Amino acid sequence: MTVAPDFFETEPRNWRARLAVSVEVMRELSRVTDPQEMYAIFARRMAQLFPVSRHLTLSRRGLRHPDYRVARFSMWKDPVNPWKESHRLPVHHGGLLAELLYGDQPRIIDNLVVDPDDPAAEYLAGQRSLLAVPHYDNGVSQNMLVLTREDTESFPRERVADLVLLSNLFTRATQTVVLSQAVKEAYDGLDYELRSIAEIQKSLLPAEKPKVPGLDVAVHYQTAKRAGGDYYDFFPLPNDRLGVLIADASGHGAPAAVLMAVAHSIAHTRVEHPQRPGEFLTYMNAHLTRRYTRPTGSFMTAFYAVFDPMNATLSYASAGHNPPRLLRCADGFKLALNRAQKLPLGIKPDEVYLEQTVPLLPGDQVVFFTDGVIEAVNTDGDVFGSARIDEELATCLPTAAALLRAILATHTLFTAGTTPADDRTLVVVKRL
């Protein structure tokens, strides 16, 4: 490194040298992310720019007056990392260094004399002048850099302001790095937990599509985050019937995923087959409300339908969920399954859910979805809505998978350039 003739000399003739040194130091510091390494670089550079006999760093964090901790000392043969080895740092009580640290002001001592009984004696022995530079945090000198030289009156007053500014800016930079590392570690830990939750959640979903004579099924499931609150399930029933459940827990992320897991547990620990939609949602609601949702204020929308190809019927009940769309390919008849709406699950413990039954003819196709699908917006702020689902239904594609792909293609094109704000689940059932 080329050292400026006098880095702290602010005369106009010295500006090029000062600028060159500043750029070189900043370049080197910008390449490292470890605060201990940053300090080593800064200390080495400052030793070239402003040589001293000794330097030490004091800290009062977590301590009370007049206690202080020596975080660094240039004469230590085995340097301590104060961010990771704080337990190794010596703590002292009172004396000159405590007076300087708790004084909250820069200080110059031109003729240094230290009492042999002062805790500072072991650090300042043989030193005759001292410069104390406070490092402020929230307006208080939580830390302090102490520089010493062996000659008296060796710290020019005109350089103190630059030293205070430079030292404090560096300290703030290292604190930012430390905080960034802490945030990253916290994020990584949280991300690991959410990935684990997401894996558990996905294991609760059906491993494969149901195989029921006369019915064709396709599914799309996408969480906005690692874990989500959307839930779908299939229940093979006697006489070649199929129960289809779709639900959406309030909130997002881990809390919604936990509620989804609770709902799954309630649905699958029930002994009886869920053959009657209204009775099944009444059962789910009673258990959710009395044991889980009331203390937290959470809830879950749900829609349960039973397909009966043999008797050509579709029975359903709804707990505040978006009505699925039905289209009859034989005559183009469209229907929103909205005749059995009641409160979402988890709000009122004695809510009784009723059910409706509609004909289910060959070629009929039904699309179930969560609000993350129809409430998705494009870059202009327009909402996807259910009309676009109806348009794809009207094409009467031959399979459930083909219809699902068509809806997803339209949805992907519509939302291009946006980030999903909510979980998105689609279930398509077509009577062959």
Protein backbone atom coordinates (compact mmCIF):
# COMPACT_ATOMS: atom_id res chain seq x y z
CA MET A 1 0.00 0.00 0.00
CA THR A 2 1.26 3.47 -0.85
CA VAL A 3 0.87 5.62 2.25
CA ALA A 4 -0.07 9.25 1.83
CA PRO A 5 2.63 11.65 3.08
CA ASP A 6 0.19 12.51 5.83
CA PHE A 7 -3.24 10.97 5.46
CA PHE A 8 -4.80 13.25 8.06
CA GLU A 9 -3.36 16.39 6.51
CA THR A 10 -6.37 18.08 4.90
CA GLU A 11 -4.55 20.69 2.85
CA PRO A 12 -5.81 20.78 -0.80
CA ARG A 13 -2.46 19.58 -2.14
CA ASN A 14 -2.95 16.25 -0.36
CA TRP A 15 -6.40 15.33 -1.68
CA ARG A 16 -5.20 12.90 -4.37
CA ALA A 17 -3.13 10.90 -1.92
CA ARG A 18 -5.97 10.84 0.62
CA LEU A 19 -8.42 9.68 -2.04
CA ALA A 20 -6.10 6.92 -3.28
CA VAL A 21 -5.61 5.57 0.24
CA SER A 22 -9.34 5.72 1.01
CA VAL A 23 -10.24 3.83 -2.16
CA GLU A 24 -7.60 1.18 -1.53
CA VAL A 25 -8.77 0.60 2.05
CA MET A 26 -12.42 0.44 1.06
CA ARG A 27 -11.69 -2.02 -1.74
CA GLU A 28 -9.90 -4.35 0.63
CA LEU A 29 -12.60 -4.14 3.29
CA SER A 30 -15.34 -4.77 0.74
CA ARG A 31 -13.88 -8.19 -0.08
CA VAL A 32 -14.36 -9.65 3.39
CA THR A 33 -17.47 -10.51 5.38
CA ASP A 34 -15.93 -11.71 8.64
CA PRO A 35 -15.85 -8.88 11.24
CA GLN A 36 -12.67 -10.21 12.84
CA GLU A 37 -10.91 -10.16 9.48
CA MET A 38 -12.27 -6.68 8.80
CA TYR A 39 -10.81 -5.46 12.07
CA ALA A 40 -7.41 -6.99 11.28
CA ILE A 41 -7.34 -5.19 7.91
CA PHE A 42 -8.44 -1.89 9.41
CA ALA A 43 -5.91 -2.10 12.25
CA ARG A 44 -3.08 -2.85 9.83
CA ARG A 45 -4.05 0.02 7.54
CA MET A 46 -4.39 2.46 10.43
CA ALA A 47 -0.97 1.40 11.77
CA GLN A 48 0.50 2.56 8.45
CA LEU A 49 -1.47 5.79 8.38
CA PHE A 50 -1.30 6.72 12.05
CA PRO A 51 1.39 4.70 13.89
CA VAL A 52 0.99 4.18 17.64
CA SER A 53 2.81 2.14 20.29
CA ARG A 54 -0.24 0.30 21.59
CA HIS A 55 -3.95 0.18 21.10
CA LEU A 56 -6.76 -1.48 22.99
CA THR A 57 -10.54 -1.66 22.70
CA LEU A 58 -12.88 -1.37 25.67
CA SER A 59 -16.52 -2.38 25.99
CA ARG A 60 -19.26 -1.69 28.53
CA ARG A 61 -22.01 -3.74 26.87
CA GLY A 62 -23.98 -5.68 29.43
CA LEU A 63 -21.98 -4.18 32.30
CA ARG A 64 -22.63 -1.48 34.88
CA HIS A 65 -20.48 1.46 35.89
CA PRO A 66 -17.58 1.28 36.59
CA ASP A 67 -17.02 -2.21 35.11
CA TYR A 68 -15.58 -2.61 31.65
CA ARG A 69 -14.25 -5.35 29.41
CA VAL A 70 -11.01 -5.29 27.42
CA ALA A 71 -12.01 -6.64 24.03
CA ARG A 72 -8.69 -6.22 22.23
CA PHE A 73 -5.10 -5.39 23.13
CA SER A 74 -2.29 -5.09 20.59
CA MET A 75 0.23 -6.76 22.93
CA TRP A 76 -1.75 -9.98 23.33
CA LYS A 77 0.09 -12.88 21.69
CA ASP A 78 -3.14 -14.82 21.34
CA PRO A 79 -5.80 -12.39 20.01
CA VAL A 80 -9.38 -13.00 21.09
CA ASN A 81 -12.39 -12.79 18.77
CA PRO A 82 -14.75 -10.62 20.85
CA TRP A 83 -17.80 -11.66 18.81
CA LYS A 84 -17.30 -15.38 19.38
CA GLU A 85 -15.10 -15.62 22.51
CA SER A 86 -16.48 -12.98 24.83
CA HIS A 87 -16.06 -15.40 27.75
CA ARG A 88 -12.27 -15.06 27.38
CA LEU A 89 -12.25 -11.28 27.71
CA PRO A 90 -11.00 -9.85 31.03
CA VAL A 91 -13.40 -7.66 33.02
CA HIS A 92 -12.03 -4.88 35.24
CA HIS A 93 -13.50 -2.53 37.81
CA GLY A 94 -12.90 1.21 37.91
CA GLY A 95 -9.76 3.20 37.28
CA LEU A 96 -8.60 5.38 34.40
CA LEU A 97 -10.01 3.26 31.57
CA ALA A 98 -13.45 3.11 33.23
CA GLU A 99 -13.34 6.89 33.61
CA LEU A 100 -12.55 7.32 29.92
CA LEU A 101 -15.15 4.80 28.68
CA TYR A 102 -18.03 6.07 30.82
CA GLY A 103 -17.07 9.67 30.11
CA ASP A 104 -18.67 9.38 26.64
CA GLN A 105 -16.25 11.92 25.12
CA PRO A 106 -13.00 11.87 23.12
CA ARG A 107 -10.04 12.52 25.41
CA ILE A 108 -6.35 13.36 24.99
CA ILE A 109 -3.83 12.93 27.82
CA ASP A 110 -0.47 14.53 26.98
CA ASN A 111 1.46 13.40 30.04
CA LEU A 112 0.11 10.01 31.04
CA VAL A 113 0.67 8.79 34.59
CA VAL A 114 -1.02 5.59 35.75
CA ASP A 115 -1.21 4.43 39.36
CA PRO A 116 0.37 0.98 39.73
CA ASP A 117 -2.79 -0.27 41.45
CA ASP A 118 -5.00 0.89 38.57
CA PRO A 119 -6.33 -2.01 36.41
CA ALA A 120 -5.11 0.03 33.42
CA ALA A 121 -1.47 -0.29 34.54
CA GLU A 122 -0.90 -3.63 32.80
CA TYR A 123 -2.07 -2.18 29.48
CA LEU A 124 -0.50 1.29 29.68
CA ALA A 125 2.89 0.60 31.22
CA GLY A 126 5.59 2.76 29.62
CA GLN A 127 3.09 4.89 27.68
CA ARG A 128 3.25 8.67 28.04
CA SER A 129 0.39 10.00 25.89
CA LEU A 130 -3.10 8.70 25.20
CA LEU A 131 -5.99 9.29 22.80
CA ALA A 132 -9.42 7.87 23.68
CA VAL A 133 -11.94 7.55 20.81
CA PRO A 134 -15.50 6.63 21.89
CA HIS A 135 -17.59 4.42 19.62
CA TYR A 136 -21.21 5.48 19.91
CA ASP A 137 -24.24 3.21 19.77
CA ASN A 138 -27.67 4.72 20.38
CA GLY A 139 -25.95 7.90 21.51
CA VAL A 140 -23.80 6.23 24.18
CA SER A 141 -20.15 5.22 24.13
CA GLN A 142 -20.62 1.48 24.37
CA ASN A 143 -17.08 0.84 23.15
CA MET A 144 -13.86 2.84 23.04
CA LEU A 145 -10.60 2.70 21.13
CA VAL A 146 -7.59 3.73 23.20
CA LEU A 147 -4.36 4.67 21.37
CA THR A 148 -1.07 5.29 23.16
CA ARG A 149 2.45 6.45 22.37
CA GLU A 150 5.66 6.39 24.36
CA ASP A 151 6.30 10.15 23.96
CA THR A 152 4.43 12.94 25.68
CA GLU A 153 2.19 15.32 23.71
CA SER A 154 2.23 13.10 20.62
CA PHE A 155 -1.43 13.31 19.56
CA PRO A 156 -2.12 16.49 17.56
CA ARG A 157 -5.53 17.98 18.35
CA GLU A 158 -6.26 18.81 14.72
CA ARG A 159 -6.34 15.09 13.81
CA VAL A 160 -8.76 13.95 16.50
CA ALA A 161 -11.97 14.84 14.64
CA ASP A 162 -10.96 12.76 11.59
CA LEU A 163 -9.93 9.85 13.78
CA VAL A 164 -13.21 9.90 15.71
CA LEU A 165 -15.24 9.99 12.50
CA LEU A 166 -13.21 7.30 10.72
CA SER A 167 -13.15 4.96 13.71
CA ASN A 168 -16.89 5.27 14.35
CA LEU A 169 -17.77 4.70 10.71
CA PHE A 170 -15.67 1.54 10.69
CA THR A 171 -17.34 0.34 13.89
CA ARG A 172 -20.78 0.87 12.40
CA ALA A 173 -19.69 -1.09 9.33
CA THR A 174 -18.53 -4.06 11.41
CA GLN A 175 -21.76 -3.96 13.43
CA THR A 176 -23.70 -4.09 10.18
CA VAL A 177 -21.72 -7.16 9.12
CA VAL A 178 -22.33 -8.82 12.49
CA LEU A 179 -26.06 -8.08 12.30
CA SER A 180 -26.18 -9.33 8.70
CA GLN A 181 -24.57 -12.59 9.77
CA ALA A 182 -27.01 -12.94 12.66
CA VAL A 183 -29.94 -12.29 10.35
CA LYS A 184 -28.62 -14.83 7.84
CA GLU A 185 -28.13 -17.46 10.55
CA ALA A 186 -31.64 -16.81 11.86
CA TYR A 187 -33.06 -16.95 8.34
CA ASP A 188 -31.22 -20.18 7.55
CA GLY A 189 -32.53 -21.74 10.75
CA LEU A 190 -36.07 -20.61 10.03
CA ASP A 191 -35.80 -21.73 6.41
CA TYR A 192 -34.67 -25.17 7.54
CA GLU A 193 -37.63 -25.42 9.89
CA LEU A 194 -40.04 -24.30 7.17
CA ARG A 195 -38.58 -26.80 4.71
CA SER A 196 -39.09 -29.52 7.30
CA ILE A 197 -42.67 -28.37 7.88
CA ALA A 198 -43.27 -28.29 4.13
CA GLU A 199 -41.95 -31.83 3.74
CA ILE A 200 -44.20 -33.06 6.54
CA GLN A 201 -47.13 -31.19 5.06
CA LYS A 202 -46.63 -32.68 1.60
CA SER A 203 -46.46 -36.14 3.15
CA LEU A 204 -50.00 -35.58 4.44
CA LEU A 205 -51.37 -34.96 0.95
CA PRO A 206 -52.53 -37.88 -1.19
CA ALA A 207 -49.57 -39.77 -2.64
CA GLU A 208 -51.45 -40.48 -5.86
CA LYS A 209 -54.68 -39.67 -7.65
CA PRO A 210 -57.68 -41.86 -6.76
CA LYS A 211 -58.76 -44.52 -9.21
CA VAL A 212 -62.53 -44.69 -9.27
CA PRO A 213 -64.47 -46.19 -12.19
CA GLY A 214 -66.17 -43.47 -14.21
CA LEU A 215 -64.14 -40.56 -12.74
CA ASP A 216 -60.98 -38.85 -13.95
CA VAL A 217 -59.03 -36.65 -11.48
CA ALA A 218 -56.16 -34.15 -11.82
CA VAL A 219 -54.51 -31.96 -9.16
CA HIS A 220 -52.24 -28.92 -8.95
CA TYR A 221 -50.79 -27.82 -5.60
CA GLN A 222 -48.45 -24.85 -5.09
CA THR A 223 -47.57 -23.05 -1.86
CA ALA A 224 -46.65 -19.37 -1.86
CA LYS A 225 -43.97 -20.06 0.75
CA ARG A 226 -42.15 -23.17 1.96
CA ALA A 227 -45.25 -24.31 3.79
CA GLY A 228 -48.84 -23.30 3.28
CA GLY A 229 -52.40 -23.66 4.44
CA ASP A 230 -54.06 -25.21 1.39
CA TYR A 231 -55.31 -28.75 1.85
CA TYR A 232 -56.92 -31.25 -0.48
CA ASP A 233 -57.78 -34.88 0.13
CA PHE A 234 -59.55 -37.84 -1.42
CA PHE A 235 -61.72 -40.43 0.34
CA PRO A 236 -62.56 -43.61 -1.62
CA LEU A 237 -66.05 -44.59 -0.50
CA PRO A 238 -68.15 -47.75 -0.83
CA ASN A 239 -69.99 -48.42 -4.10
CA ASP A 240 -67.34 -46.68 -6.25
CA ARG A 241 -68.00 -43.26 -4.83
CA LEU A 242 -65.33 -40.63 -4.22
CA GLY A 243 -65.13 -37.91 -1.56
CA VAL A 244 -63.16 -34.80 -2.50
CA LEU A 245 -62.13 -32.30 0.17
CA ILE A 246 -60.51 -28.94 -0.51
CA ALA A 247 -59.72 -26.47 2.28
CA ASP A 248 -57.78 -23.28 2.95
CA ALA A 249 -56.49 -22.35 6.42
CA SER A 250 -56.40 -18.70 7.41
CA GLY A 251 -53.01 -17.01 7.29
CA HIS A 252 -49.87 -18.18 5.56
CA GLY A 253 -46.71 -20.12 6.25
CA ALA A 254 -46.11 -22.30 9.29
CA PRO A 255 -49.26 -21.37 11.32
CA ALA A 256 -51.50 -22.20 8.37
CA ALA A 257 -49.56 -25.44 7.74
CA VAL A 258 -50.08 -26.49 11.35
CA LEU A 259 -53.84 -25.91 11.09
CA MET A 260 -53.85 -27.87 7.84
CA ALA A 261 -52.10 -30.77 9.62
CA VAL A 262 -54.62 -30.64 12.45
CA ALA A 263 -57.51 -30.79 9.95
CA HIS A 264 -55.87 -33.76 8.25
CA SER A 265 -55.57 -35.54 11.59
CA ILE A 266 -59.23 -34.92 12.43
CA ALA A 267 -60.37 -36.14 9.01
CA HIS A 268 -58.32 -39.33 9.11
CA THR A 269 -58.84 -40.38 12.71
CA ARG A 270 -62.58 -40.48 12.19
CA VAL A 271 -63.82 -44.08 12.20
CA GLU A 272 -66.76 -43.69 9.84
CA HIS A 273 -66.42 -43.04 6.11
CA PRO A 274 -67.21 -39.39 5.30
CA GLN A 275 -70.19 -40.31 3.15
CA ARG A 276 -72.44 -37.33 3.91
CA PRO A 277 -70.83 -33.94 3.19
CA GLY A 278 -72.87 -31.90 5.66
CA GLU A 279 -72.36 -34.33 8.52
CA PHE A 280 -68.62 -34.58 7.75
CA LEU A 281 -68.05 -30.79 7.84
CA THR A 282 -70.12 -30.55 11.03
CA TYR A 283 -67.81 -33.13 12.61
CA MET A 284 -64.67 -31.33 11.40
CA ASN A 285 -65.92 -27.98 12.66
CA ALA A 286 -66.83 -29.27 16.12
CA HIS A 287 -63.38 -30.74 16.70
CA LEU A 288 -61.47 -27.79 15.26
CA THR A 289 -63.44 -25.22 17.22
CA ARG A 290 -63.52 -26.90 20.60
CA ARG A 291 -59.85 -27.87 20.69
CA TYR A 292 -57.76 -25.76 18.35
CA THR A 293 -59.01 -22.60 16.68
CA ARG A 294 -60.82 -20.58 19.33
CA PRO A 295 -57.70 -19.63 21.36
CA THR A 296 -55.86 -18.45 18.23
CA GLY A 297 -58.71 -16.94 16.22
CA SER A 298 -57.75 -19.04 13.20
CA PHE A 299 -60.26 -20.72 10.90
CA MET A 300 -60.46 -22.75 7.72
CA THR A 301 -62.71 -22.64 4.69
CA ALA A 302 -63.60 -26.06 3.31
CA PHE A 303 -65.69 -27.71 0.62
CA TYR A 304 -66.51 -31.41 0.62
CA ALA A 305 -68.19 -33.23 -2.26
CA VAL A 306 -69.16 -36.85 -2.81
CA PHE A 307 -69.20 -38.07 -6.42
CA ASP A 308 -71.53 -40.98 -7.10
CA PRO A 309 -71.20 -42.02 -10.76
CA MET A 310 -73.46 -45.06 -10.28
CA ASN A 311 -76.42 -42.98 -9.11
CA ALA A 312 -75.37 -39.97 -11.24
CA THR A 313 -75.29 -37.52 -8.32
CA LEU A 314 -72.92 -35.04 -6.72
CA SER A 315 -73.60 -34.11 -3.08
CA TYR A 316 -71.72 -31.27 -1.42
CA ALA A 317 -71.47 -28.97 1.59
CA SER A 318 -69.45 -25.78 2.01
CA ALA A 319 -67.81 -24.06 4.99
CA GLY A 320 -67.31 -20.60 3.52
CA HIS A 321 -65.20 -21.88 0.63
CA ASN A 322 -65.13 -20.59 -2.94
CA PRO A 323 -67.89 -22.42 -4.86
CA PRO A 324 -66.46 -24.94 -7.35
CA ARG A 325 -67.53 -24.59 -10.99
CA LEU A 326 -69.48 -27.32 -12.78
CA LEU A 327 -69.98 -27.46 -16.54
CA ARG A 328 -72.13 -30.02 -18.35
CA CYS A 329 -70.50 -30.71 -21.68
CA ALA A 330 -73.69 -32.31 -23.06
CA ASP A 331 -75.57 -28.98 -23.17
CA GLY A 332 -73.11 -26.31 -21.95
CA PHE A 333 -74.98 -25.85 -18.67
CA LYS A 334 -72.83 -24.05 -16.07
CA LEU A 335 -73.34 -24.08 -12.31
CA ALA A 336 -71.57 -22.61 -9.31
CA LEU A 337 -71.92 -25.02 -6.39
CA ASN A 338 -72.99 -22.33 -3.94
CA ARG A 339 -76.27 -23.59 -2.51
CA ALA A 340 -74.92 -24.92 0.79
CA GLN A 341 -72.77 -22.10 2.15
CA LYS A 342 -72.19 -21.89 5.90
CA LEU A 343 -69.52 -20.41 8.20
CA PRO A 344 -65.87 -21.44 7.83
CA LEU A 345 -64.67 -24.22 10.10
CA GLY A 346 -63.38 -23.22 13.50
CA ILE A 347 -65.63 -20.23 14.24
CA LYS A 348 -68.87 -21.49 15.76
CA PRO A 349 -68.69 -24.83 17.61
CA ASP A 350 -72.34 -25.81 17.12
CA GLU A 351 -72.58 -24.85 13.43
CA VAL A 352 -74.56 -27.44 11.46
CA TYR A 353 -73.64 -27.86 7.79
CA LEU A 354 -76.33 -28.72 5.29
CA GLU A 355 -75.82 -30.32 1.92
CA GLN A 356 -77.12 -30.10 -1.62
CA THR A 357 -77.31 -32.70 -4.36
CA VAL A 358 -77.09 -32.07 -8.11
CA PRO A 359 -77.18 -34.46 -11.07
CA LEU A 360 -73.83 -35.76 -12.32
CA LEU A 361 -74.05 -36.73 -15.99
CA PRO A 362 -71.44 -38.25 -18.30
CA GLY A 363 -69.04 -35.54 -19.48
CA ASP A 364 -69.69 -33.32 -16.46
CA GLN A 365 -66.55 -31.65 -15.11
CA VAL A 366 -66.02 -29.88 -11.82
CA VAL A 367 -63.14 -27.55 -10.85
CA PHE A 368 -62.33 -27.00 -7.17
CA PHE A 369 -59.92 -24.18 -6.25
CA THR A 370 -58.63 -22.08 -3.37
CA ASP A 371 -58.76 -18.30 -3.31
CA GLY A 372 -55.07 -18.07 -4.23
CA VAL A 373 -56.12 -19.08 -7.75
CA ILE A 374 -58.98 -16.70 -8.45
CA GLU A 375 -57.59 -13.79 -6.38
CA ALA A 376 -54.24 -13.78 -8.15
CA VAL A 377 -53.48 -10.45 -9.85
CA ASN A 378 -51.48 -9.49 -12.91
CA THR A 379 -48.99 -6.64 -13.26
CA ASP A 380 -51.87 -4.22 -13.90
CA GLY A 381 -53.63 -5.20 -10.67
CA ASP A 382 -56.46 -7.06 -12.44
CA VAL A 383 -57.88 -10.13 -10.65
CA PHE A 384 -57.91 -13.54 -12.36
CA GLY A 385 -61.44 -14.35 -11.16
CA SER A 386 -63.56 -17.42 -11.87
CA ALA A 387 -64.77 -16.37 -15.34
CA ARG A 388 -61.48 -17.48 -16.90
CA ILE A 389 -61.97 -20.91 -15.33
CA ASP A 390 -65.45 -21.04 -16.91
CA GLU A 391 -63.93 -20.22 -20.31
CA GLU A 392 -61.58 -23.19 -20.08
CA LEU A 393 -64.39 -25.43 -18.81
CA ALA A 394 -66.40 -24.57 -21.89
CA THR A 395 -63.77 -26.18 -24.14
CA CYS A 396 -64.83 -29.59 -22.75
CA LEU A 397 -61.42 -31.17 -23.09
CA PRO A 398 -61.40 -34.99 -23.01
CA THR A 399 -59.51 -35.51 -19.73
CA ALA A 400 -59.18 -33.87 -16.33
CA ALA A 401 -55.43 -33.47 -16.87
CA ALA A 402 -55.97 -31.64 -20.17
CA LEU A 403 -58.45 -29.26 -18.55
CA LEU A 404 -56.08 -28.65 -15.64
CA ARG A 405 -53.21 -27.86 -18.02
CA ALA A 406 -55.39 -25.42 -19.93
CA ILE A 407 -56.41 -23.56 -16.75
CA LEU A 408 -52.83 -23.43 -15.52
CA ALA A 409 -51.57 -22.14 -18.88
CA THR A 410 -54.12 -19.32 -18.79
CA HIS A 411 -53.28 -18.60 -15.16
CA THR A 412 -49.52 -18.56 -15.81
CA LEU A 413 -49.91 -16.20 -18.75
CA PHE A 414 -52.18 -13.91 -16.74
CA THR A 415 -49.88 -13.69 -13.70
CA ALA A 416 -46.57 -13.47 -15.60
CA GLY A 417 -44.17 -11.10 -13.87
CA THR A 418 -45.83 -11.36 -10.45
CA THR A 419 -44.98 -13.32 -7.30
CA PRO A 420 -47.63 -15.60 -5.78
CA ALA A 421 -49.08 -14.01 -2.66
CA ASP A 422 -51.11 -17.03 -1.61
CA ASP A 423 -51.18 -20.80 -1.97
CA ARG A 424 -52.81 -22.14 -5.13
CA THR A 425 -54.64 -25.45 -5.35
CA LEU A 426 -56.76 -26.81 -8.16
CA VAL A 427 -58.61 -30.13 -8.28
CA VAL A 428 -60.39 -31.19 -11.46
CA VAL A 429 -62.87 -34.08 -11.54
CA LYS A 430 -64.48 -35.22 -14.78
CA ARG A 431 -67.11 -37.90 -15.18
CA LEU A 432 -66.10 -40.03 -18.12
